[in-house]
Amino acid sequence: MECATCHPNSDPGKDMGIPPLSECMTCHETVAQDDPAIRKLALSVRKKHPAQWARVYNIPAFVRFSHRRHLAAGTRCEECHGPVATRDALALEYPMTQKGCLACHVPRHVGTNQCFFCHD
């Protein structure tokens, strides 16, 4: 299953979306229904409580970042977020620092000598 199936990239493309819990349960009524995390989500849906998601990745406000641009360049979600499909929870895979970003950008020769490429 593609990440964008559950996490759409709406305009302007900066962020990936998080679907309503009821949408998650469309599949999870039968898929991994015995998983404790899925049971917790199902209970939240039944009680009409919002999910309490914990932000894992925080990009500083002075950095311009677009998921859409990275996806258009062929970057796969796993390259930054790790093997999410095989995990029970998302974890910070790479530091959201200049050094972390350059570790990927330098070998690909992408905007490495232009501060304005990423910074406002």
PDB file of N, CA and C in Angstrom:
ATOM      1  N   MET A   1       0.832  -1.171   0.000  1.00  0.00           N
ATOM      2  CA  MET A   1       0.000   0.000   0.000  1.00  0.00           C
ATOM      3  C   MET A   1       0.891   1.254   0.000  1.00  0.00           C
ATOM      4  N   GLU A   2       0.560   2.214  -0.808  1.00  0.00           N
ATOM      5  CA  GLU A   2       1.332   3.450  -0.885  1.00  0.00           C
ATOM      6  C   GLU A   2       1.026   4.347   0.313  1.00  0.00           C
ATOM      7  N   CYS A   3       2.030   5.062   0.794  1.00  0.00           N
ATOM      8  CA  CYS A   3       1.857   5.968   1.940  1.00  0.00           C
ATOM      9  C   CYS A   3       0.757   6.992   1.663  1.00  0.00           C
ATOM     10  N   ALA A   4       0.724   7.525   0.431  1.00  0.00           N
ATOM     11  CA  ALA A   4      -0.238   8.570   0.081  1.00  0.00           C
ATOM     12  C   ALA A   4      -1.678   8.078   0.103  1.00  0.00           C
ATOM     13  N   THR A   5      -1.891   6.771   0.151  1.00  0.00           N
ATOM     14  CA  THR A   5      -3.250   6.251   0.262  1.00  0.00           C
ATOM     15  C   THR A   5      -3.887   6.773   1.550  1.00  0.00           C
ATOM     16  N   CYS A   6      -3.125   6.789   2.613  1.00  0.00           N
ATOM     17  CA  CYS A   6      -3.624   7.261   3.907  1.00  0.00           C
ATOM     18  C   CYS A   6      -3.143   8.667   4.248  1.00  0.00           C
ATOM     19  N   HIS A   7      -2.062   9.095   3.624  1.00  0.00           N
ATOM     20  CA  HIS A   7      -1.474  10.397   3.927  1.00  0.00           C
ATOM     21  C   HIS A   7      -1.385  11.227   2.653  1.00  0.00           C
ATOM     22  N   PRO A   8      -2.505  11.823   2.237  1.00  0.00           N
ATOM     23  CA  PRO A   8      -2.503  12.602   0.997  1.00  0.00           C
ATOM     24  C   PRO A   8      -1.677  13.883   1.125  1.00  0.00           C
ATOM     25  N   ASN A   9      -1.218  14.364  -0.013  1.00  0.00           N
ATOM     26  CA  ASN A   9      -0.415  15.587  -0.068  1.00  0.00           C
ATOM     27  C   ASN A   9      -1.250  16.682  -0.721  1.00  0.00           C
ATOM     28  N   SER A  10      -2.023  17.389   0.087  1.00  0.00           N
ATOM     29  CA  SER A  10      -2.903  18.440  -0.419  1.00  0.00           C
ATOM     30  C   SER A  10      -2.125  19.707  -0.725  1.00  0.00           C
ATOM     31  N   ASP A  11      -2.727  20.591  -1.510  1.00  0.00           N
ATOM     32  CA  ASP A  11      -2.098  21.879  -1.820  1.00  0.00           C
ATOM     33  C   ASP A  11      -1.909  22.673  -0.550  1.00  0.00           C
ATOM     34  N   PRO A  12      -0.808  23.352  -0.382  1.00  0.00           N
ATOM     35  CA  PRO A  12       0.239  23.619  -1.354  1.00  0.00           C
ATOM     36  C   PRO A  12       1.319  22.545  -1.428  1.00  0.00           C
ATOM     37  N   GLY A  13       1.176  21.438  -0.742  1.00  0.00           N
ATOM     38  CA  GLY A  13       2.125  20.344  -0.868  1.00  0.00           C
ATOM     39  C   GLY A  13       3.187  20.283   0.198  1.00  0.00           C
ATOM     40  N   LYS A  14       3.137  21.200   1.150  1.00  0.00           N
ATOM     41  CA  LYS A  14       4.156  21.227   2.190  1.00  0.00           C
ATOM     42  C   LYS A  14       4.057  19.992   3.089  1.00  0.00           C
ATOM     43  N   ASP A  15       2.862  19.689   3.547  1.00  0.00           N
ATOM     44  CA  ASP A  15       2.673  18.606   4.510  1.00  0.00           C
ATOM     45  C   ASP A  15       1.895  17.437   3.919  1.00  0.00           C
ATOM     46  N   MET A  16       2.109  16.286   4.527  1.00  0.00           N
ATOM     47  CA  MET A  16       1.294  15.124   4.201  1.00  0.00           C
ATOM     48  C   MET A  16       0.130  15.131   5.188  1.00  0.00           C
ATOM     49  N   GLY A  17      -1.035  14.700   4.741  1.00  0.00           N
ATOM     50  CA  GLY A  17      -2.215  14.742   5.594  1.00  0.00           C
ATOM     51  C   GLY A  17      -2.308  13.570   6.546  1.00  0.00           C
ATOM     52  N   ILE A  18      -3.111  13.758   7.562  1.00  0.00           N
ATOM     53  CA  ILE A  18      -3.439  12.686   8.498  1.00  0.00           C
ATOM     54  C   ILE A  18      -4.941  12.502   8.401  1.00  0.00           C
ATOM     55  N   PRO A  19      -5.386  11.313   8.027  1.00  0.00           N
ATOM     56  CA  PRO A  19      -6.819  11.111   7.807  1.00  0.00           C
ATOM     57  C   PRO A  19      -7.606  11.073   9.112  1.00  0.00           C
ATOM     58  N   PRO A  20      -8.917  11.280   9.026  1.00  0.00           N
ATOM     59  CA  PRO A  20      -9.750  11.106  10.209  1.00  0.00           C
ATOM     60  C   PRO A  20      -9.700   9.636  10.651  1.00  0.00           C
ATOM     61  N   LEU A  21      -9.822   9.408  11.938  1.00  0.00           N
ATOM     62  CA  LEU A  21      -9.758   8.036  12.455  1.00  0.00           C
ATOM     63  C   LEU A  21     -10.778   7.127  11.790  1.00  0.00           C
ATOM     64  N   SER A  22     -11.936   7.666  11.492  1.00  0.00           N
ATOM     65  CA  SER A  22     -12.969   6.834  10.855  1.00  0.00           C
ATOM     66  C   SER A  22     -12.476   6.277   9.527  1.00  0.00           C
ATOM     67  N   GLU A  23     -11.653   7.047   8.835  1.00  0.00           N
ATOM     68  CA  GLU A  23     -11.078   6.582   7.567  1.00  0.00           C
ATOM     69  C   GLU A  23     -10.069   5.456   7.810  1.00  0.00           C
ATOM     70  N   CYS A  24      -9.278   5.573   8.890  1.00  0.00           N
ATOM     71  CA  CYS A  24      -8.324   4.514   9.237  1.00  0.00           C
ATOM     72  C   CYS A  24      -9.060   3.201   9.457  1.00  0.00           C
ATOM     73  N   MET A  25     -10.192   3.309  10.118  1.00  0.00           N
ATOM     74  CA  MET A  25     -10.939   2.110  10.485  1.00  0.00           C
ATOM     75  C   MET A  25     -11.612   1.443   9.288  1.00  0.00           C
ATOM     76  N   THR A  26     -11.669   2.124   8.147  1.00  0.00           N
ATOM     77  CA  THR A  26     -12.203   1.507   6.938  1.00  0.00           C
ATOM     78  C   THR A  26     -11.449   0.217   6.634  1.00  0.00           C
ATOM     79  N   CYS A  27     -10.122   0.266   6.775  1.00  0.00           N
ATOM     80  CA  CYS A  27      -9.311  -0.938   6.552  1.00  0.00           C
ATOM     81  C   CYS A  27      -9.095  -1.708   7.850  1.00  0.00           C
ATOM     82  N   HIS A  28      -8.871  -0.987   8.934  1.00  0.00           N
ATOM     83  CA  HIS A  28      -8.471  -1.642  10.174  1.00  0.00           C
ATOM     84  C   HIS A  28      -9.602  -2.338  10.917  1.00  0.00           C
ATOM     85  N   GLU A  29     -10.810  -2.308  10.363  1.00  0.00           N
ATOM     86  CA  GLU A  29     -11.871  -3.148  10.937  1.00  0.00           C
ATOM     87  C   GLU A  29     -11.504  -4.616  10.751  1.00  0.00           C
ATOM     88  N   THR A  30     -10.728  -4.886   9.700  1.00  0.00           N
ATOM     89  CA  THR A  30     -10.325  -6.271   9.438  1.00  0.00           C
ATOM     90  C   THR A  30      -8.810  -6.463   9.435  1.00  0.00           C
ATOM     91  N   VAL A  31      -8.041  -5.412   9.180  1.00  0.00           N
ATOM     92  CA  VAL A  31      -6.592  -5.518   9.101  1.00  0.00           C
ATOM     93  C   VAL A  31      -5.978  -5.151  10.461  1.00  0.00           C
ATOM     94  N   ALA A  32      -5.229  -6.069  11.035  1.00  0.00           N
ATOM     95  CA  ALA A  32      -4.534  -5.868  12.315  1.00  0.00           C
ATOM     96  C   ALA A  32      -5.485  -5.464  13.433  1.00  0.00           C
ATOM     97  N   GLN A  33      -6.685  -5.961  13.372  1.00  0.00           N
ATOM     98  CA  GLN A  33      -7.705  -5.570  14.354  1.00  0.00           C
ATOM     99  C   GLN A  33      -7.366  -5.972  15.784  1.00  0.00           C
ATOM    100  N   ASP A  34      -6.493  -6.953  15.982  1.00  0.00           N
ATOM    101  CA  ASP A  34      -6.103  -7.376  17.327  1.00  0.00           C
ATOM    102  C   ASP A  34      -4.906  -6.606  17.878  1.00  0.00           C
ATOM    103  N   ASP A  35      -4.305  -5.766  17.062  1.00  0.00           N
ATOM    104  CA  ASP A  35      -3.174  -4.956  17.495  1.00  0.00           C
ATOM    105  C   ASP A  35      -3.659  -3.962  18.558  1.00  0.00           C
ATOM    106  N   PRO A  36      -2.937  -3.832  19.682  1.00  0.00           N
ATOM    107  CA  PRO A  36      -3.365  -2.912  20.739  1.00  0.00           C
ATOM    108  C   PRO A  36      -3.552  -1.466  20.268  1.00  0.00           C
ATOM    109  N   ALA A  37      -2.688  -1.001  19.390  1.00  0.00           N
ATOM    110  CA  ALA A  37      -2.807   0.372  18.891  1.00  0.00           C
ATOM    111  C   ALA A  37      -4.073   0.534  18.058  1.00  0.00           C
ATOM    112  N   ILE A  38      -4.405  -0.471  17.248  1.00  0.00           N
ATOM    113  CA  ILE A  38      -5.615  -0.417  16.422  1.00  0.00           C
ATOM    114  C   ILE A  38      -6.848  -0.494  17.312  1.00  0.00           C
ATOM    115  N   ARG A  39      -6.792  -1.311  18.332  1.00  0.00           N
ATOM    116  CA  ARG A  39      -7.922  -1.378  19.281  1.00  0.00           C
ATOM    117  C   ARG A  39      -8.156  -0.014  19.932  1.00  0.00           C
ATOM    118  N   LYS A  40      -7.080   0.664  20.264  1.00  0.00           N
ATOM    119  CA  LYS A  40      -7.177   1.995  20.874  1.00  0.00           C
ATOM    120  C   LYS A  40      -7.820   2.986  19.892  1.00  0.00           C
ATOM    121  N   LEU A  41      -7.402   2.907  18.623  1.00  0.00           N
ATOM    122  CA  LEU A  41      -8.003   3.770  17.601  1.00  0.00           C
ATOM    123  C   LEU A  41      -9.480   3.463  17.426  1.00  0.00           C
ATOM    124  N   ALA A  42      -9.824   2.180  17.397  1.00  0.00           N
ATOM    125  CA  ALA A  42     -11.226   1.777  17.231  1.00  0.00           C
ATOM    126  C   ALA A  42     -12.078   2.317  18.380  1.00  0.00           C
ATOM    127  N   LEU A  43     -11.556   2.256  19.579  1.00  0.00           N
ATOM    128  CA  LEU A  43     -12.277   2.774  20.739  1.00  0.00           C
ATOM    129  C   LEU A  43     -12.467   4.285  20.618  1.00  0.00           C
ATOM    130  N   SER A  44     -11.448   4.981  20.168  1.00  0.00           N
ATOM    131  CA  SER A  44     -11.558   6.432  19.965  1.00  0.00           C
ATOM    132  C   SER A  44     -12.634   6.763  18.941  1.00  0.00           C
ATOM    133  N   VAL A  45     -12.727   5.974  17.880  1.00  0.00           N
ATOM    134  CA  VAL A  45     -13.745   6.190  16.854  1.00  0.00           C
ATOM    135  C   VAL A  45     -15.134   5.960  17.447  1.00  0.00           C
ATOM    136  N   ARG A  46     -15.290   4.863  18.177  1.00  0.00           N
ATOM    137  CA  ARG A  46     -16.605   4.552  18.778  1.00  0.00           C
ATOM    138  C   ARG A  46     -17.048   5.651  19.749  1.00  0.00           C
ATOM    139  N   LYS A  47     -16.090   6.183  20.511  1.00  0.00           N
ATOM    140  CA  LYS A  47     -16.425   7.208  21.498  1.00  0.00           C
ATOM    141  C   LYS A  47     -16.367   8.628  20.917  1.00  0.00           C
ATOM    142  N   LYS A  48     -16.011   8.698  19.616  1.00  0.00           N
ATOM    143  CA  LYS A  48     -15.893   9.986  18.912  1.00  0.00           C
ATOM    144  C   LYS A  48     -14.892  10.921  19.582  1.00  0.00           C
ATOM    145  N   HIS A  49     -13.793  10.341  20.048  1.00  0.00           N
ATOM    146  CA  HIS A  49     -12.693  11.118  20.625  1.00  0.00           C
ATOM    147  C   HIS A  49     -11.620  11.317  19.561  1.00  0.00           C
ATOM    148  N   PRO A  50     -11.036  12.507  19.498  1.00  0.00           N
ATOM    149  CA  PRO A  50      -9.954  12.716  18.528  1.00  0.00           C
ATOM    150  C   PRO A  50      -8.692  11.961  18.962  1.00  0.00           C
ATOM    151  N   ALA A  51      -7.901  11.587  17.997  1.00  0.00           N
ATOM    152  CA  ALA A  51      -6.628  10.908  18.299  1.00  0.00           C
ATOM    153  C   ALA A  51      -5.658  11.914  18.894  1.00  0.00           C
ATOM    154  N   GLN A  52      -4.826  11.451  19.769  1.00  0.00           N
ATOM    155  CA  GLN A  52      -3.799  12.294  20.375  1.00  0.00           C
ATOM    156  C   GLN A  52      -2.469  11.940  19.722  1.00  0.00           C
ATOM    157  N   TRP A  53      -2.257  12.441  18.508  1.00  0.00           N
ATOM    158  CA  TRP A  53      -1.031  12.147  17.786  1.00  0.00           C
ATOM    159  C   TRP A  53       0.124  12.928  18.395  1.00  0.00           C
ATOM    160  N   ALA A  54       1.273  12.318  18.459  1.00  0.00           N
ATOM    161  CA  ALA A  54       2.478  12.986  18.949  1.00  0.00           C
ATOM    162  C   ALA A  54       3.369  13.308  17.753  1.00  0.00           C
ATOM    163  N   ARG A  55       3.690  14.581  17.573  1.00  0.00           N
ATOM    164  CA  ARG A  55       4.544  14.981  16.447  1.00  0.00           C
ATOM    165  C   ARG A  55       5.940  14.411  16.642  1.00  0.00           C
ATOM    166  N   VAL A  56       6.456  13.763  15.611  1.00  0.00           N
ATOM    167  CA  VAL A  56       7.785  13.157  15.661  1.00  0.00           C
ATOM    168  C   VAL A  56       8.792  14.042  14.930  1.00  0.00           C
ATOM    169  N   TYR A  57       8.397  14.588  13.797  1.00  0.00           N
ATOM    170  CA  TYR A  57       9.280  15.431  12.992  1.00  0.00           C
ATOM    171  C   TYR A  57       8.861  16.888  13.122  1.00  0.00           C
ATOM    172  N   ASN A  58       9.811  17.738  13.487  1.00  0.00           N
ATOM    173  CA  ASN A  58       9.569  19.176  13.581  1.00  0.00           C
ATOM    174  C   ASN A  58      10.588  19.898  12.717  1.00  0.00           C
ATOM    175  N   ILE A  59      10.096  20.583  11.723  1.00  0.00           N
ATOM    176  CA  ILE A  59      10.978  21.347  10.837  1.00  0.00           C
ATOM    177  C   ILE A  59      10.893  22.803  11.267  1.00  0.00           C
ATOM    178  N   PRO A  60      12.028  23.452  11.525  1.00  0.00           N
ATOM    179  CA  PRO A  60      12.005  24.842  11.979  1.00  0.00           C
ATOM    180  C   PRO A  60      11.261  25.749  10.998  1.00  0.00           C
ATOM    181  N   ALA A  61      10.615  26.775  11.541  1.00  0.00           N
ATOM    182  CA  ALA A  61       9.805  27.696  10.730  1.00  0.00           C
ATOM    183  C   ALA A  61      10.630  28.420   9.664  1.00  0.00           C
ATOM    184  N   PHE A  62      11.938  28.602   9.889  1.00  0.00           N
ATOM    185  CA  PHE A  62      12.768  29.333   8.929  1.00  0.00           C
ATOM    186  C   PHE A  62      13.264  28.452   7.780  1.00  0.00           C
ATOM    187  N   VAL A  63      12.864  27.184   7.786  1.00  0.00           N
ATOM    188  CA  VAL A  63      13.269  26.264   6.724  1.00  0.00           C
ATOM    189  C   VAL A  63      12.073  26.006   5.803  1.00  0.00           C
ATOM    190  N   ARG A  64      12.303  26.174   4.511  1.00  0.00           N
ATOM    191  CA  ARG A  64      11.286  25.859   3.519  1.00  0.00           C
ATOM    192  C   ARG A  64      11.383  24.374   3.197  1.00  0.00           C
ATOM    193  N   PHE A  65      10.290  23.671   3.376  1.00  0.00           N
ATOM    194  CA  PHE A  65      10.288  22.237   3.092  1.00  0.00           C
ATOM    195  C   PHE A  65       8.974  21.881   2.422  1.00  0.00           C
ATOM    196  N   SER A  66       9.049  21.070   1.397  1.00  0.00           N
ATOM    197  CA  SER A  66       7.859  20.629   0.690  1.00  0.00           C
ATOM    198  C   SER A  66       7.945  19.126   0.442  1.00  0.00           C
ATOM    199  N   HIS A  67       6.993  18.396   1.005  1.00  0.00           N
ATOM    200  CA  HIS A  67       6.926  16.968   0.704  1.00  0.00           C
ATOM    201  C   HIS A  67       6.713  16.765  -0.795  1.00  0.00           C
ATOM    202  N   ARG A  68       5.871  17.603  -1.397  1.00  0.00           N
ATOM    203  CA  ARG A  68       5.559  17.458  -2.817  1.00  0.00           C
ATOM    204  C   ARG A  68       6.825  17.530  -3.665  1.00  0.00           C
ATOM    205  N   ARG A  69       7.701  18.470  -3.349  1.00  0.00           N
ATOM    206  CA  ARG A  69       8.947  18.609  -4.119  1.00  0.00           C
ATOM    207  C   ARG A  69       9.827  17.375  -3.980  1.00  0.00           C
ATOM    208  N   HIS A  70       9.908  16.860  -2.763  1.00  0.00           N
ATOM    209  CA  HIS A  70      10.724  15.672  -2.531  1.00  0.00           C
ATOM    210  C   HIS A  70      10.137  14.452  -3.244  1.00  0.00           C
ATOM    211  N   LEU A  71       8.824  14.300  -3.201  1.00  0.00           N
ATOM    212  CA  LEU A  71       8.175  13.180  -3.888  1.00  0.00           C
ATOM    213  C   LEU A  71       8.348  13.292  -5.406  1.00  0.00           C
ATOM    214  N   ALA A  72       8.223  14.506  -5.930  1.00  0.00           N
ATOM    215  CA  ALA A  72       8.398  14.731  -7.373  1.00  0.00           C
ATOM    216  C   ALA A  72       9.823  14.405  -7.813  1.00  0.00           C
ATOM    217  N   ALA A  73      10.783  14.562  -6.900  1.00  0.00           N
ATOM    218  CA  ALA A  73      12.187  14.260  -7.220  1.00  0.00           C
ATOM    219  C   ALA A  73      12.486  12.766  -7.097  1.00  0.00           C
ATOM    220  N   GLY A  74      11.477  11.981  -6.700  1.00  0.00           N
ATOM    221  CA  GLY A  74      11.669  10.536  -6.608  1.00  0.00           C
ATOM    222  C   GLY A  74      12.070  10.046  -5.223  1.00  0.00           C
ATOM    223  N   THR A  75      12.052  10.927  -4.237  1.00  0.00           N
ATOM    224  CA  THR A  75      12.391  10.512  -2.877  1.00  0.00           C
ATOM    225  C   THR A  75      11.265   9.631  -2.342  1.00  0.00           C
ATOM    226  N   ARG A  76      11.633   8.500  -1.799  1.00  0.00           N
ATOM    227  CA  ARG A  76      10.638   7.594  -1.208  1.00  0.00           C
ATOM    228  C   ARG A  76      10.461   7.931   0.268  1.00  0.00           C
ATOM    229  N   CYS A  77       9.281   7.773   0.789  1.00  0.00           N
ATOM    230  CA  CYS A  77       8.975   8.092   2.187  1.00  0.00           C
ATOM    231  C   CYS A  77       9.969   7.430   3.138  1.00  0.00           C
ATOM    232  N   GLU A  78      10.346   6.184   2.836  1.00  0.00           N
ATOM    233  CA  GLU A  78      11.233   5.406   3.698  1.00  0.00           C
ATOM    234  C   GLU A  78      12.620   6.030   3.836  1.00  0.00           C
ATOM    235  N   GLU A  79      13.011   6.848   2.857  1.00  0.00           N
ATOM    236  CA  GLU A  79      14.339   7.447   2.909  1.00  0.00           C
ATOM    237  C   GLU A  79      14.495   8.402   4.092  1.00  0.00           C
ATOM    238  N   CYS A  80      13.413   9.029   4.505  1.00  0.00           N
ATOM    239  CA  CYS A  80      13.463   9.932   5.667  1.00  0.00           C
ATOM    240  C   CYS A  80      12.784   9.319   6.885  1.00  0.00           C
ATOM    241  N   HIS A  81      11.714   8.573   6.651  1.00  0.00           N
ATOM    242  CA  HIS A  81      10.904   8.064   7.760  1.00  0.00           C
ATOM    243  C   HIS A  81      11.212   6.629   8.148  1.00  0.00           C
ATOM    244  N   GLY A  82      12.136   5.989   7.431  1.00  0.00           N
ATOM    245  CA  GLY A  82      12.486   4.614   7.756  1.00  0.00           C
ATOM    246  C   GLY A  82      11.412   3.632   7.310  1.00  0.00           C
ATOM    247  N   PRO A  83      11.569   2.364   7.662  1.00  0.00           N
ATOM    248  CA  PRO A  83      10.634   1.325   7.222  1.00  0.00           C
ATOM    249  C   PRO A  83       9.324   1.344   8.022  1.00  0.00           C
ATOM    250  N   VAL A  84       8.540   2.390   7.821  1.00  0.00           N
ATOM    251  CA  VAL A  84       7.308   2.611   8.584  1.00  0.00           C
ATOM    252  C   VAL A  84       6.351   1.421   8.473  1.00  0.00           C
ATOM    253  N   ALA A  85       6.256   0.818   7.308  1.00  0.00           N
ATOM    254  CA  ALA A  85       5.308  -0.279   7.106  1.00  0.00           C
ATOM    255  C   ALA A  85       5.579  -1.475   8.015  1.00  0.00           C
ATOM    256  N   THR A  86       6.795  -1.599   8.492  1.00  0.00           N
ATOM    257  CA  THR A  86       7.134  -2.738   9.355  1.00  0.00           C
ATOM    258  C   THR A  86       7.229  -2.347  10.826  1.00  0.00           C
ATOM    259  N   ARG A  87       6.842  -1.120  11.144  1.00  0.00           N
ATOM    260  CA  ARG A  87       6.961  -0.616  12.519  1.00  0.00           C
ATOM    261  C   ARG A  87       5.596  -0.458  13.168  1.00  0.00           C
ATOM    262  N   ASP A  88       5.607  -0.522  14.484  1.00  0.00           N
ATOM    263  CA  ASP A  88       4.386  -0.264  15.245  1.00  0.00           C
ATOM    264  C   ASP A  88       4.203   1.220  15.514  1.00  0.00           C
ATOM    265  N   ALA A  89       5.309   1.969  15.506  1.00  0.00           N
ATOM    266  CA  ALA A  89       5.241   3.401  15.773  1.00  0.00           C
ATOM    267  C   ALA A  89       6.313   4.129  14.983  1.00  0.00           C
ATOM    268  N   LEU A  90       6.008   5.360  14.630  1.00  0.00           N
ATOM    269  CA  LEU A  90       6.962   6.201  13.912  1.00  0.00           C
ATOM    270  C   LEU A  90       8.021   6.698  14.893  1.00  0.00           C
ATOM    271  N   ALA A  91       9.253   6.728  14.457  1.00  0.00           N
ATOM    272  CA  ALA A  91      10.351   7.225  15.277  1.00  0.00           C
ATOM    273  C   ALA A  91      11.193   8.168  14.426  1.00  0.00           C
ATOM    274  N   LEU A  92      11.899   9.062  15.058  1.00  0.00           N
ATOM    275  CA  LEU A  92      12.770   9.990  14.343  1.00  0.00           C
ATOM    276  C   LEU A  92      13.948   9.207  13.780  1.00  0.00           C
ATOM    277  N   GLU A  93      14.022   9.122  12.459  1.00  0.00           N
ATOM    278  CA  GLU A  93      15.063   8.344  11.787  1.00  0.00           C
ATOM    279  C   GLU A  93      16.336   9.151  11.570  1.00  0.00           C
ATOM    280  N   TYR A  94      16.168  10.399  11.153  1.00  0.00           N
ATOM    281  CA  TYR A  94      17.294  11.253  10.826  1.00  0.00           C
ATOM    282  C   TYR A  94      17.101  12.610  11.482  1.00  0.00           C
ATOM    283  N   PRO A  95      18.180  13.247  11.903  1.00  0.00           N
ATOM    284  CA  PRO A  95      18.029  14.555  12.554  1.00  0.00           C
ATOM    285  C   PRO A  95      17.510  15.599  11.573  1.00  0.00           C
ATOM    286  N   MET A  96      16.566  16.393  12.026  1.00  0.00           N
ATOM    287  CA  MET A  96      16.029  17.473  11.203  1.00  0.00           C
ATOM    288  C   MET A  96      16.898  18.714  11.410  1.00  0.00           C
ATOM    289  N   THR A  97      18.137  18.564  10.984  1.00  0.00           N
ATOM    290  CA  THR A  97      19.132  19.633  11.091  1.00  0.00           C
ATOM    291  C   THR A  97      19.739  19.845   9.709  1.00  0.00           C
ATOM    292  N   GLN A  98      20.514  20.904   9.573  1.00  0.00           N
ATOM    293  CA  GLN A  98      21.185  21.154   8.299  1.00  0.00           C
ATOM    294  C   GLN A  98      22.079  19.963   7.938  1.00  0.00           C
ATOM    295  N   LYS A  99      22.791  19.448   8.909  1.00  0.00           N
ATOM    296  CA  LYS A  99      23.666  18.295   8.667  1.00  0.00           C
ATOM    297  C   LYS A  99      22.854  17.089   8.192  1.00  0.00           C
ATOM    298  N   GLY A 100      21.715  16.856   8.807  1.00  0.00           N
ATOM    299  CA  GLY A 100      20.862  15.730   8.410  1.00  0.00           C
ATOM    300  C   GLY A 100      20.359  15.878   6.983  1.00  0.00           C
ATOM    301  N   CYS A 101      19.926  17.076   6.630  1.00  0.00           N
ATOM    302  CA  CYS A 101      19.423  17.312   5.271  1.00  0.00           C
ATOM    303  C   CYS A 101      20.546  17.209   4.234  1.00  0.00           C
ATOM    304  N   LEU A 102      21.704  17.795   4.576  1.00  0.00           N
ATOM    305  CA  LEU A 102      22.822  17.774   3.635  1.00  0.00           C
ATOM    306  C   LEU A 102      23.364  16.366   3.408  1.00  0.00           C
ATOM    307  N   ALA A 103      23.179  15.485   4.375  1.00  0.00           N
ATOM    308  CA  ALA A 103      23.622  14.093   4.197  1.00  0.00           C
ATOM    309  C   ALA A 103      22.945  13.459   2.990  1.00  0.00           C
ATOM    310  N   CYS A 104      21.764  13.930   2.661  1.00  0.00           N
ATOM    311  CA  CYS A 104      21.046  13.426   1.490  1.00  0.00           C
ATOM    312  C   CYS A 104      21.280  14.333   0.279  1.00  0.00           C
ATOM    313  N   HIS A 105      21.252  15.637   0.495  1.00  0.00           N
ATOM    314  CA  HIS A 105      21.356  16.592  -0.614  1.00  0.00           C
ATOM    315  C   HIS A 105      22.737  16.614  -1.270  1.00  0.00           C
ATOM    316  N   VAL A 106      23.812  16.544  -0.483  1.00  0.00           N
ATOM    317  CA  VAL A 106      25.164  16.643  -1.047  1.00  0.00           C
ATOM    318  C   VAL A 106      25.441  15.538  -2.067  1.00  0.00           C
ATOM    319  N   PRO A 107      25.223  14.262  -1.731  1.00  0.00           N
ATOM    320  CA  PRO A 107      25.503  13.217  -2.732  1.00  0.00           C
ATOM    321  C   PRO A 107      24.645  13.335  -3.990  1.00  0.00           C
ATOM    322  N   ARG A 108      23.498  13.987  -3.863  1.00  0.00           N
ATOM    323  CA  ARG A 108      22.593  14.143  -5.012  1.00  0.00           C
ATOM    324  C   ARG A 108      22.808  15.476  -5.732  1.00  0.00           C
ATOM    325  N   HIS A 109      23.723  16.283  -5.204  1.00  0.00           N
ATOM    326  CA  HIS A 109      24.034  17.590  -5.799  1.00  0.00           C
ATOM    327  C   HIS A 109      22.783  18.459  -5.933  1.00  0.00           C
ATOM    328  N   VAL A 110      22.047  18.573  -4.834  1.00  0.00           N
ATOM    329  CA  VAL A 110      20.799  19.334  -4.840  1.00  0.00           C
ATOM    330  C   VAL A 110      20.916  20.542  -3.920  1.00  0.00           C
ATOM    331  N   GLY A 111      20.951  21.749  -4.493  1.00  0.00           N
ATOM    332  CA  GLY A 111      20.902  22.992  -3.747  1.00  0.00           C
ATOM    333  C   GLY A 111      21.899  23.140  -2.618  1.00  0.00           C
ATOM    334  N   THR A 112      23.058  22.522  -2.739  1.00  0.00           N
ATOM    335  CA  THR A 112      23.996  22.503  -1.615  1.00  0.00           C
ATOM    336  C   THR A 112      24.782  23.786  -1.428  1.00  0.00           C
ATOM    337  N   ASN A 113      24.850  24.629  -2.431  1.00  0.00           N
ATOM    338  CA  ASN A 113      25.623  25.867  -2.297  1.00  0.00           C
ATOM    339  C   ASN A 113      24.734  27.107  -2.280  1.00  0.00           C
ATOM    340  N   GLN A 114      23.450  26.909  -2.093  1.00  0.00           N
ATOM    341  CA  GLN A 114      22.520  28.025  -2.141  1.00  0.00           C
ATOM    342  C   GLN A 114      21.671  28.055  -0.877  1.00  0.00           C
ATOM    343  N   CYS A 115      21.983  28.968   0.027  1.00  0.00           N
ATOM    344  CA  CYS A 115      21.251  29.053   1.297  1.00  0.00           C
ATOM    345  C   CYS A 115      19.752  29.244   1.074  1.00  0.00           C
ATOM    346  N   PHE A 116      19.402  30.090   0.078  1.00  0.00           N
ATOM    347  CA  PHE A 116      18.000  30.402  -0.174  1.00  0.00           C
ATOM    348  C   PHE A 116      17.213  29.196  -0.714  1.00  0.00           C
ATOM    349  N   PHE A 117      17.916  28.146  -1.091  1.00  0.00           N
ATOM    350  CA  PHE A 117      17.246  26.939  -1.584  1.00  0.00           C
ATOM    351  C   PHE A 117      16.324  26.358  -0.504  1.00  0.00           C
ATOM    352  N   CYS A 118      16.762  26.435   0.749  1.00  0.00           N
ATOM    353  CA  CYS A 118      16.001  25.877   1.869  1.00  0.00           C
ATOM    354  C   CYS A 118      15.570  26.910   2.900  1.00  0.00           C
ATOM    355  N   HIS A 119      16.261  28.040   2.932  1.00  0.00           N
ATOM    356  CA  HIS A 119      15.998  29.030   3.982  1.00  0.00           C
ATOM    357  C   HIS A 119      15.329  30.266   3.436  1.00  0.00           C
ATOM    358  N   ASP A 120      14.383  30.781   4.238  1.00  0.00           N
ATOM    359  CA  ASP A 120      13.722  32.061   3.903  1.00  0.00           C
ATOM    360  C   ASP A 120      14.640  33.207   4.227  1.00  0.00           C
TER     361      ASP A 120
END
